[in-house]
């Protein structure tokens, strides 16, 4: 039986790239281990059109399942990303890396292809240990999806976060519920009007106004 979670991989390399052999060897070993189902390799010196098509600016450049990675990656890192493919937690870690690097557009590109991947952002939102830089980045991304089906599909999960023990997380959840444009958010927001945190109460009230209440 084929494991549907085993990802395929693509590697773009260059003839004179010093790091490409290491990445190629690491990915090839994962194919042997059965952690990658298929590996496609393109030499950009021979196929420069591929670089133009995919917007590749440097090598090594690779995709492992849904993850686009650049630069030298150790065999252990490559295996970690292969094992993360197909999991929401894995996508959350990918988003964490992109947000740390300020690559908000890449996060949005993933969500545009798969709107339900926004759930991975909510995992970062729900983690009290998520750094401020990442929180600001994920907020900026989610704000771009105001009043869209992608955000509306997350209303129930955001509603659950309005009960989180951390007031910062309750506050953010209320804010995003207001952006959803979905009246299913109303019961969650009305309940937060009695929150013991003033910021949460204020955000819940503002979000209700945003929703026309």
N, C-alpha and C. Protein backbone atom coordinates (compact mmCIF):
# COMPACT_ATOMS: atom_id res chain seq x y z
N UNK A 1 0.84 -1.20 0.00
CA UNK A 1 0.00 0.00 0.00
C UNK A 1 0.88 1.25 0.00
N UNK A 2 0.53 2.25 -0.81
CA UNK A 2 1.29 3.48 -0.88
C UNK A 2 0.86 4.44 0.22
N UNK A 3 1.85 5.01 0.91
CA UNK A 3 1.57 6.01 1.95
C UNK A 3 1.32 7.35 1.27
N UNK A 4 0.10 7.84 1.37
CA UNK A 4 -0.26 9.08 0.68
C UNK A 4 0.44 10.29 1.28
N UNK A 5 1.05 10.12 2.47
CA UNK A 5 1.74 11.23 3.10
C UNK A 5 3.20 11.32 2.68
N UNK A 6 3.69 10.33 1.94
CA UNK A 6 5.07 10.38 1.46
C UNK A 6 5.14 11.40 0.33
N UNK A 7 5.92 12.47 0.51
CA UNK A 7 5.94 13.53 -0.49
C UNK A 7 6.87 13.22 -1.66
N UNK A 8 6.65 13.91 -2.76
CA UNK A 8 7.61 13.93 -3.85
C UNK A 8 8.50 15.15 -3.67
N UNK A 9 9.63 15.15 -4.37
CA UNK A 9 10.56 16.26 -4.24
C UNK A 9 11.08 16.69 -5.60
N UNK A 10 11.47 17.96 -5.65
CA UNK A 10 12.04 18.55 -6.85
C UNK A 10 13.28 19.32 -6.43
N UNK A 11 14.37 19.18 -7.18
CA UNK A 11 15.60 19.89 -6.87
C UNK A 11 16.12 20.59 -8.11
N UNK A 12 16.37 21.88 -7.98
CA UNK A 12 17.03 22.65 -9.03
C UNK A 12 18.46 22.91 -8.56
N UNK A 13 19.41 22.55 -9.40
CA UNK A 13 20.81 22.71 -9.03
C UNK A 13 21.59 23.34 -10.18
N UNK A 14 22.86 23.62 -9.92
CA UNK A 14 23.72 24.19 -10.94
C UNK A 14 25.02 23.41 -11.01
N UNK A 15 25.64 23.40 -12.16
CA UNK A 15 26.86 22.62 -12.38
C UNK A 15 27.97 23.03 -11.41
N UNK A 16 28.10 24.31 -11.13
CA UNK A 16 29.21 24.80 -10.31
C UNK A 16 28.79 25.15 -8.88
N UNK A 17 27.61 24.75 -8.49
CA UNK A 17 27.10 25.03 -7.13
C UNK A 17 27.82 24.15 -6.11
N UNK A 18 28.49 24.73 -5.11
CA UNK A 18 29.23 23.91 -4.14
C UNK A 18 28.35 23.13 -3.17
N UNK A 19 27.12 23.61 -2.95
CA UNK A 19 26.24 22.97 -1.97
C UNK A 19 25.28 21.96 -2.59
N UNK A 20 25.13 22.03 -3.90
CA UNK A 20 24.13 21.18 -4.56
C UNK A 20 24.39 19.68 -4.39
N UNK A 21 25.65 19.22 -4.48
CA UNK A 21 25.87 17.78 -4.30
C UNK A 21 25.42 17.25 -2.94
N UNK A 22 25.59 18.08 -1.91
CA UNK A 22 25.17 17.66 -0.56
C UNK A 22 23.66 17.49 -0.50
N UNK A 23 22.93 18.45 -1.07
CA UNK A 23 21.47 18.38 -1.06
C UNK A 23 20.99 17.24 -1.94
N UNK A 24 21.60 17.07 -3.10
CA UNK A 24 21.22 15.97 -3.98
C UNK A 24 21.42 14.62 -3.30
N UNK A 25 22.55 14.47 -2.63
CA UNK A 25 22.81 13.21 -1.93
C UNK A 25 21.80 12.98 -0.81
N UNK A 26 21.46 14.07 -0.10
CA UNK A 26 20.51 13.94 1.00
C UNK A 26 19.13 13.55 0.53
N UNK A 27 18.68 14.17 -0.56
CA UNK A 27 17.36 13.84 -1.10
C UNK A 27 17.34 12.44 -1.68
N UNK A 28 18.42 12.05 -2.34
CA UNK A 28 18.49 10.71 -2.91
C UNK A 28 18.42 9.64 -1.83
N UNK A 29 19.06 9.92 -0.69
CA UNK A 29 19.02 8.97 0.42
C UNK A 29 17.61 8.84 0.98
N UNK A 30 16.86 9.94 0.97
CA UNK A 30 15.48 9.88 1.46
C UNK A 30 14.59 9.07 0.51
N UNK A 31 14.90 9.10 -0.78
CA UNK A 31 14.18 8.25 -1.73
C UNK A 31 14.46 6.78 -1.40
N UNK A 32 15.72 6.47 -1.13
CA UNK A 32 16.09 5.09 -0.79
C UNK A 32 15.38 4.63 0.48
N UNK A 33 15.24 5.55 1.44
CA UNK A 33 14.59 5.22 2.72
C UNK A 33 13.07 5.13 2.59
N UNK A 34 12.53 5.60 1.46
CA UNK A 34 11.08 5.60 1.31
C UNK A 34 10.40 6.79 1.94
N UNK A 35 11.18 7.81 2.32
CA UNK A 35 10.59 9.01 2.92
C UNK A 35 10.22 10.03 1.85
N UNK A 36 10.74 9.86 0.65
CA UNK A 36 10.35 10.62 -0.53
C UNK A 36 9.97 9.64 -1.61
N UNK A 37 8.82 9.89 -2.26
CA UNK A 37 8.34 8.94 -3.25
C UNK A 37 9.04 9.06 -4.59
N UNK A 38 9.30 10.30 -5.02
CA UNK A 38 9.92 10.54 -6.32
C UNK A 38 10.74 11.81 -6.24
N UNK A 39 11.91 11.81 -6.87
CA UNK A 39 12.78 12.97 -6.90
C UNK A 39 13.04 13.37 -8.35
N UNK A 40 12.70 14.61 -8.67
CA UNK A 40 12.99 15.17 -9.99
C UNK A 40 14.11 16.18 -9.83
N UNK A 41 15.11 16.09 -10.70
CA UNK A 41 16.28 16.97 -10.62
C UNK A 41 16.45 17.70 -11.94
N UNK A 42 16.66 19.02 -11.87
CA UNK A 42 16.87 19.83 -13.07
C UNK A 42 18.15 20.65 -12.88
N UNK A 43 19.02 20.61 -13.89
CA UNK A 43 20.21 21.44 -13.91
C UNK A 43 19.86 22.75 -14.61
N UNK A 44 19.87 23.85 -13.85
CA UNK A 44 19.44 25.13 -14.42
C UNK A 44 20.40 25.68 -15.45
N UNK A 45 21.65 25.20 -15.43
CA UNK A 45 22.58 25.63 -16.47
C UNK A 45 22.13 25.11 -17.84
N UNK A 46 21.46 23.99 -17.82
CA UNK A 46 20.95 23.39 -19.06
C UNK A 46 19.50 23.75 -19.32
N UNK A 47 18.77 24.09 -18.28
CA UNK A 47 17.35 24.41 -18.40
C UNK A 47 17.04 25.73 -17.71
N UNK A 48 17.60 26.84 -18.19
CA UNK A 48 17.37 28.13 -17.53
C UNK A 48 15.91 28.57 -17.56
N UNK A 49 15.13 28.02 -18.49
CA UNK A 49 13.72 28.36 -18.55
C UNK A 49 12.98 27.94 -17.29
N UNK A 50 13.48 26.88 -16.65
CA UNK A 50 12.85 26.41 -15.41
C UNK A 50 13.02 27.45 -14.30
N UNK A 51 14.18 28.09 -14.25
CA UNK A 51 14.41 29.13 -13.25
C UNK A 51 13.45 30.29 -13.45
N UNK A 52 13.24 30.66 -14.71
CA UNK A 52 12.31 31.75 -15.02
C UNK A 52 10.88 31.37 -14.64
N UNK A 53 10.51 30.16 -14.97
CA UNK A 53 9.15 29.68 -14.71
C UNK A 53 8.83 29.64 -13.22
N UNK A 54 9.79 29.22 -12.41
CA UNK A 54 9.56 29.04 -10.99
C UNK A 54 10.06 30.21 -10.14
N UNK A 55 10.67 31.19 -10.78
CA UNK A 55 11.17 32.34 -10.03
C UNK A 55 12.36 32.01 -9.16
N UNK A 56 13.20 31.11 -9.61
CA UNK A 56 14.36 30.68 -8.82
C UNK A 56 15.50 31.67 -9.00
N UNK A 57 16.04 32.14 -7.89
CA UNK A 57 17.13 33.12 -7.95
C UNK A 57 18.47 32.56 -7.51
N UNK A 58 18.45 31.38 -6.94
CA UNK A 58 19.70 30.78 -6.49
C UNK A 58 19.53 29.29 -6.27
N UNK A 59 20.62 28.58 -6.26
CA UNK A 59 20.60 27.13 -6.04
C UNK A 59 21.50 26.78 -4.85
N UNK A 60 21.23 25.65 -4.21
CA UNK A 60 20.14 24.70 -4.48
C UNK A 60 18.78 25.26 -4.08
N UNK A 61 17.77 24.85 -4.83
CA UNK A 61 16.37 25.26 -4.62
C UNK A 61 15.54 23.99 -4.71
N UNK A 62 14.70 23.77 -3.74
CA UNK A 62 13.98 22.48 -3.72
C UNK A 62 12.56 22.63 -3.22
N UNK A 63 11.74 21.67 -3.61
CA UNK A 63 10.41 21.50 -3.04
C UNK A 63 10.32 20.09 -2.49
N UNK A 64 9.84 20.01 -1.26
CA UNK A 64 9.55 18.71 -0.64
C UNK A 64 8.09 18.75 -0.24
N UNK A 65 7.26 18.05 -0.99
CA UNK A 65 5.82 18.17 -0.76
C UNK A 65 5.40 19.62 -0.94
N UNK A 66 4.74 20.22 0.06
CA UNK A 66 4.28 21.61 -0.07
C UNK A 66 5.33 22.66 0.28
N UNK A 67 6.51 22.19 0.72
CA UNK A 67 7.51 23.11 1.25
C UNK A 67 8.54 23.50 0.19
N UNK A 68 8.73 24.80 0.00
CA UNK A 68 9.78 25.31 -0.87
C UNK A 68 10.93 25.77 0.01
N UNK A 69 12.11 25.24 -0.26
CA UNK A 69 13.29 25.51 0.56
C UNK A 69 14.43 25.97 -0.32
N UNK A 70 15.29 26.82 0.23
CA UNK A 70 16.41 27.35 -0.53
C UNK A 70 17.70 27.18 0.24
N UNK A 71 18.79 27.09 -0.50
CA UNK A 71 20.11 27.04 0.13
C UNK A 71 20.49 25.67 0.66
N UNK A 72 21.66 25.62 1.27
CA UNK A 72 22.18 24.36 1.81
C UNK A 72 21.30 23.86 2.95
N UNK A 73 20.90 22.62 2.85
CA UNK A 73 20.13 21.95 3.91
C UNK A 73 20.81 20.62 4.20
N UNK A 74 21.04 20.35 5.47
CA UNK A 74 21.70 19.11 5.84
C UNK A 74 20.77 17.92 5.61
N UNK A 75 21.33 16.72 5.51
CA UNK A 75 20.47 15.53 5.37
C UNK A 75 19.43 15.43 6.49
N UNK A 76 19.81 15.80 7.70
CA UNK A 76 18.86 15.74 8.82
C UNK A 76 17.72 16.74 8.62
N UNK A 77 18.04 17.94 8.15
CA UNK A 77 16.99 18.92 7.88
C UNK A 77 16.05 18.44 6.79
N UNK A 78 16.61 17.89 5.73
CA UNK A 78 15.79 17.40 4.62
C UNK A 78 14.84 16.31 5.10
N UNK A 79 15.35 15.42 5.95
CA UNK A 79 14.49 14.35 6.47
C UNK A 79 13.38 14.93 7.34
N UNK A 80 13.70 15.94 8.14
CA UNK A 80 12.68 16.58 8.99
C UNK A 80 11.56 17.15 8.14
N UNK A 81 11.91 17.85 7.06
CA UNK A 81 10.88 18.44 6.21
C UNK A 81 10.07 17.36 5.50
N UNK A 82 10.71 16.28 5.09
CA UNK A 82 9.98 15.19 4.45
C UNK A 82 8.97 14.59 5.42
N UNK A 83 9.37 14.46 6.69
CA UNK A 83 8.48 13.87 7.69
C UNK A 83 7.35 14.83 8.07
N UNK A 84 7.58 16.13 7.90
CA UNK A 84 6.54 17.11 8.24
C UNK A 84 5.47 17.22 7.16
N UNK A 85 5.78 16.80 5.96
CA UNK A 85 4.84 16.95 4.84
C UNK A 85 3.54 16.23 5.16
N UNK A 86 2.43 16.87 4.83
CA UNK A 86 1.12 16.25 5.04
C UNK A 86 0.55 16.44 6.43
N UNK A 87 1.24 17.22 7.29
CA UNK A 87 0.74 17.45 8.64
C UNK A 87 0.53 18.95 8.87
N UNK A 88 -0.49 19.29 9.64
CA UNK A 88 -0.74 20.69 9.97
C UNK A 88 0.40 21.26 10.81
N UNK A 89 0.93 20.46 11.73
CA UNK A 89 2.04 20.92 12.55
C UNK A 89 3.26 21.20 11.68
N UNK A 90 3.48 20.35 10.67
CA UNK A 90 4.60 20.59 9.76
C UNK A 90 4.44 21.89 9.00
N UNK A 91 3.22 22.16 8.54
CA UNK A 91 2.96 23.41 7.84
C UNK A 91 3.15 24.59 8.78
N UNK A 92 2.78 24.43 10.05
CA UNK A 92 2.97 25.50 11.02
C UNK A 92 4.46 25.82 11.18
N UNK A 93 5.29 24.79 11.21
CA UNK A 93 6.73 25.02 11.33
C UNK A 93 7.28 25.69 10.08
N UNK A 94 6.73 25.33 8.92
CA UNK A 94 7.14 25.98 7.67
C UNK A 94 6.75 27.45 7.69
N UNK A 95 5.53 27.74 8.11
CA UNK A 95 5.09 29.13 8.21
C UNK A 95 5.95 29.89 9.23
N UNK A 96 6.31 29.22 10.32
CA UNK A 96 7.15 29.88 11.34
C UNK A 96 8.48 30.33 10.71
N UNK A 97 9.08 29.44 9.90
CA UNK A 97 10.35 29.79 9.25
C UNK A 97 10.17 30.94 8.27
N UNK A 98 9.11 30.89 7.47
CA UNK A 98 8.87 31.95 6.50
C UNK A 98 8.61 33.29 7.19
N UNK A 99 7.82 33.27 8.24
CA UNK A 99 7.50 34.51 8.95
C UNK A 99 8.73 35.08 9.66
N UNK A 100 9.57 34.21 10.17
CA UNK A 100 10.81 34.64 10.79
C UNK A 100 11.69 35.37 9.78
N UNK A 101 11.65 34.90 8.54
CA UNK A 101 12.45 35.51 7.47
C UNK A 101 11.73 36.65 6.78
N UNK A 102 10.52 36.97 7.24
CA UNK A 102 9.76 38.07 6.66
C UNK A 102 9.15 37.76 5.30
N UNK A 103 9.00 36.48 4.98
CA UNK A 103 8.49 36.08 3.67
C UNK A 103 6.98 35.88 3.72
N UNK A 104 6.27 36.97 3.98
CA UNK A 104 4.81 36.91 4.13
C UNK A 104 4.14 36.52 2.81
N UNK A 105 4.71 36.97 1.70
CA UNK A 105 4.11 36.66 0.40
C UNK A 105 4.11 35.16 0.14
N UNK A 106 5.14 34.47 0.60
CA UNK A 106 5.19 33.02 0.40
C UNK A 106 4.13 32.31 1.24
N UNK A 107 3.90 32.83 2.44
CA UNK A 107 2.83 32.26 3.27
C UNK A 107 1.49 32.42 2.56
N UNK A 108 1.25 33.61 2.03
CA UNK A 108 -0.01 33.87 1.32
C UNK A 108 -0.14 32.99 0.09
N UNK A 109 0.96 32.73 -0.59
CA UNK A 109 0.91 31.89 -1.79
C UNK A 109 0.47 30.47 -1.44
N UNK A 110 0.96 29.98 -0.30
CA UNK A 110 0.55 28.64 0.15
C UNK A 110 -0.95 28.62 0.45
N UNK A 111 -1.43 29.64 1.17
CA UNK A 111 -2.85 29.70 1.53
C UNK A 111 -3.72 29.85 0.29
N UNK A 112 -3.24 30.61 -0.68
CA UNK A 112 -4.00 30.76 -1.93
C UNK A 112 -4.18 29.42 -2.62
N UNK A 113 -3.14 28.58 -2.56
CA UNK A 113 -3.23 27.25 -3.19
C UNK A 113 -4.09 26.31 -2.36
N UNK A 114 -4.00 26.45 -1.04
CA UNK A 114 -4.72 25.55 -0.13
C UNK A 114 -5.25 26.37 1.05
N UNK A 115 -6.48 26.92 0.91
CA UNK A 115 -7.03 27.78 1.96
C UNK A 115 -7.05 27.15 3.35
N UNK A 116 -7.18 25.83 3.42
CA UNK A 116 -7.26 25.19 4.73
C UNK A 116 -5.90 25.16 5.44
N UNK A 117 -4.84 25.52 4.71
CA UNK A 117 -3.53 25.60 5.36
C UNK A 117 -3.48 26.76 6.36
N UNK A 118 -4.48 27.66 6.30
CA UNK A 118 -4.54 28.74 7.29
C UNK A 118 -4.65 28.18 8.71
N UNK A 119 -5.16 26.98 8.81
CA UNK A 119 -5.25 26.35 10.13
C UNK A 119 -3.88 26.27 10.79
N UNK A 120 -2.82 26.12 9.97
CA UNK A 120 -1.47 26.07 10.53
C UNK A 120 -1.08 27.39 11.17
N UNK A 121 -1.57 28.50 10.61
CA UNK A 121 -1.32 29.80 11.24
C UNK A 121 -1.98 29.87 12.61
N UNK A 122 -3.14 29.24 12.73
CA UNK A 122 -3.84 29.28 14.02
C UNK A 122 -3.07 28.49 15.08
N UNK A 123 -2.32 27.47 14.66
CA UNK A 123 -1.48 26.75 15.62
C UNK A 123 -0.41 27.68 16.19
N UNK A 124 0.15 28.52 15.32
CA UNK A 124 1.14 29.49 15.81
C UNK A 124 0.47 30.53 16.70
N UNK A 125 -0.72 30.95 16.31
CA UNK A 125 -1.48 31.92 17.11
C UNK A 125 -1.77 31.37 18.49
N UNK A 126 -2.08 30.08 18.58
CA UNK A 126 -2.49 29.46 19.84
C UNK A 126 -1.31 29.12 20.75
N UNK A 127 -0.09 29.24 20.25
CA UNK A 127 1.09 28.90 21.03
C UNK A 127 1.58 30.13 21.79
N UNK A 128 1.50 30.13 23.12
CA UNK A 128 1.94 31.31 23.89
C UNK A 128 3.42 31.63 23.69
N UNK A 129 4.19 30.64 23.21
CA UNK A 129 5.62 30.85 23.02
C UNK A 129 5.96 31.47 21.67
N UNK A 130 4.97 31.65 20.81
CA UNK A 130 5.23 32.25 19.50
C UNK A 130 5.73 33.68 19.68
N UNK A 131 6.86 33.97 19.04
CA UNK A 131 7.51 35.27 19.20
C UNK A 131 6.67 36.41 18.62
N UNK A 132 6.89 37.61 19.14
CA UNK A 132 6.13 38.79 18.71
C UNK A 132 6.29 39.02 17.21
N UNK A 133 7.51 38.87 16.68
CA UNK A 133 7.74 39.09 15.26
C UNK A 133 6.85 38.18 14.41
N UNK A 134 6.73 36.93 14.84
CA UNK A 134 5.91 35.98 14.09
C UNK A 134 4.44 36.31 14.25
N UNK A 135 4.03 36.73 15.45
CA UNK A 135 2.62 37.12 15.66
C UNK A 135 2.24 38.30 14.77
N UNK A 136 3.14 39.26 14.66
CA UNK A 136 2.86 40.41 13.81
C UNK A 136 2.76 39.99 12.35
N UNK A 137 3.63 39.08 11.95
CA UNK A 137 3.60 38.61 10.57
C UNK A 137 2.34 37.83 10.25
N UNK A 138 1.95 36.93 11.14
CA UNK A 138 0.74 36.14 10.85
C UNK A 138 -0.50 37.02 10.89
N UNK A 139 -0.50 38.06 11.73
CA UNK A 139 -1.62 39.00 11.73
C UNK A 139 -1.72 39.72 10.39
N UNK A 140 -0.57 40.13 9.87
CA UNK A 140 -0.57 40.83 8.58
C UNK A 140 -1.09 39.92 7.47
N UNK A 141 -0.73 38.65 7.53
CA UNK A 141 -1.22 37.71 6.52
C UNK A 141 -2.72 37.51 6.64
N UNK A 142 -3.19 37.25 7.85
CA UNK A 142 -4.62 36.98 8.05
C UNK A 142 -5.47 38.19 7.69
N UNK A 143 -4.96 39.39 7.96
CA UNK A 143 -5.71 40.60 7.62
C UNK A 143 -6.00 40.68 6.13
N UNK A 144 -5.12 40.13 5.32
CA UNK A 144 -5.32 40.15 3.87
C UNK A 144 -6.47 39.23 3.43
N UNK A 145 -6.93 38.37 4.35
CA UNK A 145 -8.02 37.44 4.01
C UNK A 145 -9.33 37.83 4.68
N UNK A 146 -9.44 39.09 5.08
CA UNK A 146 -10.69 39.57 5.68
C UNK A 146 -11.86 39.34 4.73
N UNK A 147 -12.95 38.84 5.29
CA UNK A 147 -14.20 38.61 4.54
C UNK A 147 -14.05 37.60 3.41
N UNK A 148 -13.11 36.68 3.55
CA UNK A 148 -12.93 35.65 2.52
C UNK A 148 -13.36 34.29 3.06
N UNK A 149 -13.71 33.35 2.16
CA UNK A 149 -14.06 32.01 2.61
C UNK A 149 -12.94 31.33 3.40
N UNK A 150 -11.69 31.65 3.07
CA UNK A 150 -10.57 31.02 3.78
C UNK A 150 -10.61 31.35 5.26
N UNK A 151 -10.86 32.61 5.60
CA UNK A 151 -10.93 33.00 7.01
C UNK A 151 -12.24 32.56 7.63
N UNK A 152 -13.32 32.61 6.89
CA UNK A 152 -14.62 32.19 7.42
C UNK A 152 -14.61 30.71 7.79
N UNK A 153 -13.82 29.92 7.07
CA UNK A 153 -13.72 28.49 7.39
C UNK A 153 -13.03 28.25 8.73
N UNK A 154 -12.36 29.27 9.25
CA UNK A 154 -11.62 29.14 10.51
C UNK A 154 -12.41 29.68 11.71
N UNK A 155 -13.66 30.12 11.51
CA UNK A 155 -14.41 30.77 12.58
C UNK A 155 -14.55 29.86 13.80
N UNK A 156 -14.89 28.60 13.62
CA UNK A 156 -15.07 27.71 14.76
C UNK A 156 -13.77 27.55 15.54
N UNK A 157 -12.67 27.41 14.84
CA UNK A 157 -11.38 27.24 15.52
C UNK A 157 -10.96 28.54 16.21
N UNK A 158 -11.21 29.68 15.58
CA UNK A 158 -10.95 30.95 16.25
C UNK A 158 -11.85 31.11 17.46
N UNK A 159 -13.10 30.68 17.33
CA UNK A 159 -14.01 30.74 18.46
C UNK A 159 -13.50 29.96 19.65
N UNK A 160 -12.91 28.79 19.38
CA UNK A 160 -12.35 28.00 20.47
C UNK A 160 -11.20 28.73 21.15
N UNK A 161 -10.44 29.51 20.37
CA UNK A 161 -9.32 30.24 20.94
C UNK A 161 -9.76 31.42 21.80
N UNK A 162 -11.03 31.83 21.69
CA UNK A 162 -11.52 32.90 22.56
C UNK A 162 -11.64 32.42 24.01
N UNK A 163 -11.45 31.12 24.23
CA UNK A 163 -11.48 30.57 25.59
C UNK A 163 -10.08 30.25 26.10
N UNK A 164 -9.06 30.62 25.34
CA UNK A 164 -7.68 30.31 25.74
C UNK A 164 -7.33 31.03 27.05
N UNK A 165 -6.48 30.41 27.84
CA UNK A 165 -6.11 31.01 29.13
C UNK A 165 -5.26 32.26 28.97
N UNK A 166 -4.60 32.40 27.83
CA UNK A 166 -3.74 33.56 27.57
C UNK A 166 -4.59 34.68 26.96
N UNK A 167 -4.65 35.83 27.63
CA UNK A 167 -5.50 36.94 27.17
C UNK A 167 -5.06 37.46 25.80
N UNK A 168 -3.75 37.40 25.50
CA UNK A 168 -3.27 37.87 24.20
C UNK A 168 -3.90 37.05 23.08
N UNK A 169 -4.00 35.76 23.33
CA UNK A 169 -4.54 34.86 22.30
C UNK A 169 -6.05 35.07 22.18
N UNK A 170 -6.74 35.24 23.30
CA UNK A 170 -8.18 35.53 23.24
C UNK A 170 -8.41 36.82 22.48
N UNK A 171 -7.56 37.81 22.73
CA UNK A 171 -7.70 39.12 22.09
C UNK A 171 -7.51 39.00 20.57
N UNK A 172 -6.46 38.30 20.16
CA UNK A 172 -6.20 38.13 18.72
C UNK A 172 -7.34 37.37 18.05
N UNK A 173 -7.83 36.34 18.74
CA UNK A 173 -8.93 35.54 18.16
C UNK A 173 -10.16 36.41 17.95
N UNK A 174 -10.46 37.27 18.90
CA UNK A 174 -11.61 38.18 18.75
C UNK A 174 -11.40 39.13 17.57
N UNK A 175 -10.20 39.61 17.42
CA UNK A 175 -9.90 40.53 16.32
C UNK A 175 -10.13 39.85 14.98
N UNK A 176 -9.62 38.63 14.83
CA UNK A 176 -9.75 37.92 13.56
C UNK A 176 -11.19 37.50 13.30
N UNK A 177 -11.94 37.21 14.35
CA UNK A 177 -13.35 36.91 14.17
C UNK A 177 -14.09 38.11 13.58
N UNK A 178 -13.71 39.30 14.02
CA UNK A 178 -14.32 40.50 13.46
C UNK A 178 -13.99 40.68 11.99
N UNK A 179 -12.79 40.26 11.59
CA UNK A 179 -12.38 40.37 10.19
C UNK A 179 -13.07 39.35 9.30
N UNK A 180 -13.60 38.30 9.91
CA UNK A 180 -14.15 37.19 9.11
C UNK A 180 -15.37 37.60 8.29
N UNK A 181 -16.15 38.56 8.80
CA UNK A 181 -17.38 38.93 8.12
C UNK A 181 -18.45 37.87 8.25
N UNK A 182 -18.26 36.93 9.15
CA UNK A 182 -19.18 35.80 9.30
C UNK A 182 -19.96 35.94 10.61
N UNK A 183 -21.27 35.96 10.52
CA UNK A 183 -22.09 36.15 11.71
C UNK A 183 -22.08 34.94 12.64
N UNK A 184 -21.51 33.83 12.19
CA UNK A 184 -21.32 32.69 13.10
C UNK A 184 -20.34 33.05 14.21
N UNK A 185 -19.60 34.14 14.02
CA UNK A 185 -18.64 34.58 15.04
C UNK A 185 -19.33 35.29 16.21
N UNK A 186 -20.58 35.70 16.03
CA UNK A 186 -21.25 36.53 17.04
C UNK A 186 -21.31 35.91 18.43
N UNK A 187 -21.71 34.65 18.57
CA UNK A 187 -21.79 34.10 19.94
C UNK A 187 -20.45 34.11 20.68
N UNK A 188 -19.37 33.84 19.96
CA UNK A 188 -18.06 33.85 20.59
C UNK A 188 -17.69 35.26 21.07
N UNK A 189 -17.98 36.23 20.24
CA UNK A 189 -17.63 37.61 20.58
C UNK A 189 -18.50 38.16 21.71
N UNK A 190 -19.77 37.85 21.68
CA UNK A 190 -20.67 38.33 22.74
C UNK A 190 -20.26 37.78 24.09
N UNK A 191 -19.80 36.54 24.11
CA UNK A 191 -19.35 35.94 25.36
C UNK A 191 -18.13 36.67 25.92
N UNK A 192 -17.28 37.17 25.03
CA UNK A 192 -16.04 37.85 25.47
C UNK A 192 -16.31 39.27 25.98
N UNK A 193 -17.53 39.77 25.82
CA UNK A 193 -17.86 41.08 26.39
C UNK A 193 -17.79 41.06 27.91
N UNK A 194 -17.79 39.85 28.48
CA UNK A 194 -17.70 39.70 29.93
C UNK A 194 -16.33 39.17 30.34
N UNK A 195 -15.37 39.22 29.44
CA UNK A 195 -14.03 38.73 29.74
C UNK A 195 -13.42 39.53 30.90
N UNK A 196 -12.55 38.88 31.65
CA UNK A 196 -11.94 39.58 32.78
C UNK A 196 -10.79 40.49 32.36
N UNK A 197 -10.47 40.47 31.05
CA UNK A 197 -9.41 41.34 30.53
C UNK A 197 -10.02 42.49 29.73
N UNK A 198 -9.65 43.72 30.07
CA UNK A 198 -10.27 44.88 29.42
C UNK A 198 -9.96 44.94 27.93
N UNK A 199 -8.74 44.57 27.54
CA UNK A 199 -8.38 44.61 26.12
C UNK A 199 -9.23 43.63 25.31
N UNK A 200 -9.46 42.47 25.88
CA UNK A 200 -10.28 41.47 25.20
C UNK A 200 -11.71 41.98 25.06
N UNK A 201 -12.23 42.57 26.12
CA UNK A 201 -13.59 43.11 26.06
C UNK A 201 -13.70 44.18 24.98
N UNK A 202 -12.70 45.07 24.93
CA UNK A 202 -12.73 46.15 23.94
C UNK A 202 -12.66 45.59 22.51
N UNK A 203 -11.78 44.60 22.31
CA UNK A 203 -11.64 44.03 20.97
C UNK A 203 -12.91 43.30 20.56
N UNK A 204 -13.53 42.60 21.49
CA UNK A 204 -14.78 41.89 21.20
C UNK A 204 -15.86 42.89 20.80
N UNK A 205 -15.92 44.00 21.51
CA UNK A 205 -16.94 45.02 21.18
C UNK A 205 -16.67 45.62 19.79
N UNK A 206 -15.41 45.92 19.50
CA UNK A 206 -15.06 46.49 18.20
C UNK A 206 -15.36 45.49 17.07
N UNK A 207 -15.10 44.22 17.33
CA UNK A 207 -15.36 43.20 16.31
C UNK A 207 -16.85 43.03 16.06
N UNK A 208 -17.63 43.13 17.11
CA UNK A 208 -19.08 43.07 16.95
C UNK A 208 -19.57 44.24 16.11
N UNK A 209 -19.01 45.40 16.32
CA UNK A 209 -19.37 46.57 15.51
C UNK A 209 -18.97 46.33 14.06
N UNK A 210 -17.81 45.71 13.87
CA UNK A 210 -17.33 45.39 12.52
C UNK A 210 -18.33 44.48 11.81
N UNK A 211 -18.97 43.62 12.58
CA UNK A 211 -19.94 42.68 12.03
C UNK A 211 -21.36 43.26 12.00
N UNK A 212 -21.48 44.51 12.34
CA UNK A 212 -22.77 45.18 12.23
C UNK A 212 -23.70 44.99 13.39
N UNK A 213 -23.13 44.69 14.56
CA UNK A 213 -23.98 44.47 15.75
C UNK A 213 -23.86 45.67 16.68
